[in-house]
Protein backbone atom coordinates (compact mmCIF):
# COMPACT_ATOMS: atom_id res chain seq x y z
CA MET A 1 -60.26 98.54 -1.54
CA ALA A 2 -63.84 97.49 -1.98
CA ILE A 3 -65.99 96.11 1.01
CA ASN A 4 -68.20 93.30 0.40
CA ILE A 5 -71.48 94.43 2.05
CA GLU A 6 -73.36 91.16 1.44
CA THR A 7 -70.35 89.34 3.78
CA VAL A 8 -71.02 92.25 6.80
CA THR A 9 -73.25 90.22 8.91
CA GLU A 10 -75.80 86.74 8.03
CA LYS A 11 -78.07 88.17 10.80
CA TYR A 12 -79.70 91.25 9.35
CA THR A 13 -79.94 93.20 5.94
CA VAL A 14 -77.25 95.34 5.32
CA GLY A 15 -77.09 97.49 2.38
CA LYS A 16 -75.83 101.65 2.04
CA LEU A 17 -77.97 104.28 3.40
CA SER A 18 -79.59 106.72 1.02
CA GLU A 19 -81.69 109.98 1.57
CA GLU A 20 -85.10 108.09 2.19
CA HIS A 21 -83.37 105.96 5.18
CA LEU A 22 -82.72 109.85 6.62
CA PRO A 23 -85.95 109.85 8.97
CA ALA A 24 -85.03 106.41 10.40
CA VAL A 25 -81.36 107.17 10.57
CA LEU A 26 -82.31 110.35 12.86
CA ALA A 27 -85.04 108.35 14.95
CA LEU A 28 -82.25 106.16 16.27
CA TYR A 29 -79.78 108.92 17.07
CA ASP A 30 -82.69 110.79 19.10
CA GLY A 31 -82.76 107.44 20.93
CA ASN A 32 -78.81 107.55 21.65
CA PRO A 33 -78.71 111.51 23.42
CA LEU A 34 -75.10 110.19 25.07
CA TYR A 35 -73.92 110.15 21.70
CA THR A 36 -75.19 113.73 20.58
CA PHE A 37 -73.90 115.00 24.38
CA TYR A 38 -70.45 113.97 23.70
CA CYS A 39 -70.86 114.97 20.20
CA PRO A 40 -72.91 117.80 19.70
CA PRO A 41 -74.98 119.56 17.72
CA LYS A 42 -77.97 117.42 17.74
CA PRO A 43 -78.04 115.50 14.17
CA SER A 44 -81.06 116.87 11.65
CA LEU A 45 -82.16 115.58 7.97
CA ILE A 46 -79.62 118.12 6.70
CA SER A 47 -76.81 117.13 8.69
CA LEU A 48 -77.41 113.79 7.96
CA LYS A 49 -77.43 114.00 4.49
CA GLN A 50 -74.46 115.93 4.45
CA ASP A 51 -73.20 112.54 6.30
CA LEU A 52 -73.89 110.46 3.30
CA VAL A 53 -70.71 111.81 1.30
CA ASP A 54 -68.60 114.09 4.07
CA LEU A 55 -65.42 112.31 3.23
CA PRO A 56 -61.98 112.73 4.60
CA PRO A 57 -59.06 114.40 2.75
CA GLY A 58 -57.90 112.02 -0.24
CA LYS A 59 -61.28 109.33 -0.37
CA THR A 60 -63.88 109.14 -2.59
CA ILE A 61 -67.40 108.14 -2.34
CA GLU A 62 -66.57 104.75 -3.44
CA ASP A 63 -64.33 104.16 -0.53
CA LYS A 64 -66.81 105.03 1.97
CA TYR A 65 -70.05 103.03 3.28
CA PHE A 66 -72.80 104.44 5.36
CA LEU A 67 -74.21 101.36 5.88
CA GLY A 68 -77.76 100.25 7.83
CA TYR A 69 -78.67 97.03 9.55
CA TRP A 70 -82.12 96.14 9.11
CA GLN A 71 -84.28 92.89 11.01
CA GLN A 72 -87.43 93.67 8.32
CA GLU A 73 -88.12 97.24 8.23
CA GLU A 74 -86.75 98.43 11.05
CA LEU A 75 -83.21 99.87 11.10
CA VAL A 76 -81.51 98.50 13.81
CA ALA A 77 -77.92 99.86 13.57
CA ILE A 78 -75.63 101.89 11.29
CA VAL A 79 -72.02 101.92 10.44
CA ASP A 80 -70.03 104.73 8.66
CA ILE A 81 -66.78 103.02 7.08
CA ILE A 82 -64.03 104.91 5.03
CA SER A 83 -61.58 102.05 3.23
CA ASP A 84 -58.09 102.25 3.04
CA TYR A 85 -57.97 105.26 5.55
CA PRO A 86 -55.94 106.76 6.89
CA GLU A 87 -53.66 104.43 5.12
CA ALA A 88 -53.66 101.66 2.92
CA GLY A 89 -54.97 98.08 4.59
CA THR A 90 -56.61 99.87 7.06
CA ALA A 91 -60.79 100.11 7.50
CA TYR A 92 -61.78 103.73 9.23
CA ILE A 93 -65.24 103.49 11.33
CA GLY A 94 -66.40 107.02 11.40
CA LEU A 95 -69.50 106.03 13.17
CA PHE A 96 -71.42 102.80 15.08
CA MET A 97 -74.50 103.36 16.59
CA VAL A 98 -77.15 100.29 17.80
CA ASP A 99 -80.93 101.39 18.28
CA ALA A 100 -81.17 102.32 21.94
CA ALA A 101 -84.00 99.42 21.91
CA TYR A 102 -81.63 97.04 21.52
CA GLN A 103 -78.80 98.04 23.86
CA GLY A 104 -77.54 95.83 26.65
CA ARG A 105 -77.92 92.65 25.09
CA GLY A 106 -74.56 91.85 23.25
CA LEU A 107 -76.10 93.10 20.09
CA GLY A 108 -73.60 95.77 18.89
CA SER A 109 -70.56 93.49 19.82
CA GLN A 110 -71.90 90.38 17.74
CA LEU A 111 -72.35 92.96 15.08
CA VAL A 112 -68.69 94.29 15.40
CA ASP A 113 -67.13 90.84 15.77
CA ASP A 114 -69.27 89.98 11.96
CA LEU A 115 -67.88 93.52 10.51
CA LEU A 116 -63.86 92.85 11.81
CA ALA A 117 -64.52 89.41 10.55
CA CYS A 118 -65.86 90.24 6.90
CA LEU A 119 -63.08 93.60 6.94
CA ALA A 120 -60.31 91.00 7.88
CA LYS A 121 -60.27 89.70 4.53
CA ASP A 122 -59.17 92.57 2.75
CA PHE A 123 -57.36 94.81 5.82
CA LYS A 124 -55.13 94.49 8.02
CA ALA A 125 -56.52 96.86 10.82
CA VAL A 126 -59.38 98.87 11.80
CA ARG A 127 -59.27 102.57 13.35
CA LEU A 128 -61.99 104.55 15.07
CA GLY A 129 -61.78 107.64 17.52
CA PHE A 130 -64.35 108.23 20.16
CA ILE A 131 -64.76 111.25 22.86
CA LYS A 132 -62.64 111.29 25.45
CA GLY A 133 -64.65 111.24 28.82
CA ASN A 134 -67.70 109.50 27.24
CA PRO A 135 -67.90 105.69 29.32
CA GLN A 136 -70.26 104.10 26.99
CA ALA A 137 -67.81 104.40 23.82
CA GLN A 138 -65.32 103.70 25.57
CA HIS A 139 -66.10 100.60 26.98
CA PHE A 140 -67.54 99.59 24.18
CA TRP A 141 -64.59 99.78 22.03
CA LEU A 142 -62.07 98.25 24.55
CA LYS A 143 -64.33 95.28 25.40
CA ASN A 144 -64.45 94.57 21.64
CA GLY A 145 -60.70 94.82 21.40
CA PHE A 146 -59.88 97.87 20.34
CA GLN A 147 -56.14 99.65 21.78
CA VAL A 148 -55.79 103.02 22.76
CA VAL A 149 -53.17 104.46 19.92
CA LYS A 150 -52.97 107.78 20.92
CA GLU A 151 -55.49 110.79 21.80
CA VAL A 152 -55.69 114.11 19.78
CA GLU A 153 -56.79 117.20 21.05
CA GLU A 154 -59.18 119.47 19.59
CA PRO A 155 -60.50 122.79 20.21
CA ASP A 156 -63.41 121.29 22.03
CA ARG A 157 -62.46 117.82 23.19
CA THR A 158 -60.36 114.96 23.33
CA VAL A 159 -60.37 112.27 19.93
CA VAL A 160 -59.35 109.06 22.00
CA VAL A 161 -58.38 106.88 18.82
CA ALA A 162 -58.49 103.21 19.38
CA GLU A 163 -56.96 100.35 16.72
CA ARG A 164 -57.90 96.76 16.39
CA HIS A 165 -55.63 94.32 14.50
CA LEU A 166 -56.78 91.96 12.27
CA LYS A 167 -54.39 89.30 12.16
CA SER A 168 -56.77 87.45 14.74
CA TYR A 169 -59.72 86.67 12.42
CA LEU A 170 -57.21 85.01 9.56
CA HIS A 171 -57.60 81.44 11.49
CA LEU A 172 -61.10 81.86 11.04
CA GLU A 173 -60.81 82.24 7.38
CA GLY A 174 -58.34 79.55 6.93
CA GLY A 175 -55.46 81.69 6.28
């Protein structure tokens, strides 16, 4: 299912990220050392170029929305979404990050709220994962209404899978 990126938020310019944006994306990562601490290794321009096209099994590039949020020429946030993953009707957030200079003021929660309202038009749920033990990620996603579904053990970490059903947004759209 396609995501209409023009309706993601009215407050910022939103567009798909490309190679030309990668230096700004790398600067955004560099300002968030807690992310790299829990999700090593530190990104590079090479690894970010791969992130532009990385997909889970069975998905195509048309299902991927690696988006940037801009205020004039400044990149203030990024989100990577896979549509209809891991199942039809679910949008998967693989990454969400706000520039450190904008954190602590409610911007991240507002962007997530806007995104969920947009996704509620076509999806029944949003799923994501965060690293167990990362207090910032856990607090942020639980505060924004996501509920833990399960924990997945990986060789070097535990991923907490969380989900938010979108029926709460339907009344906002008159449905």
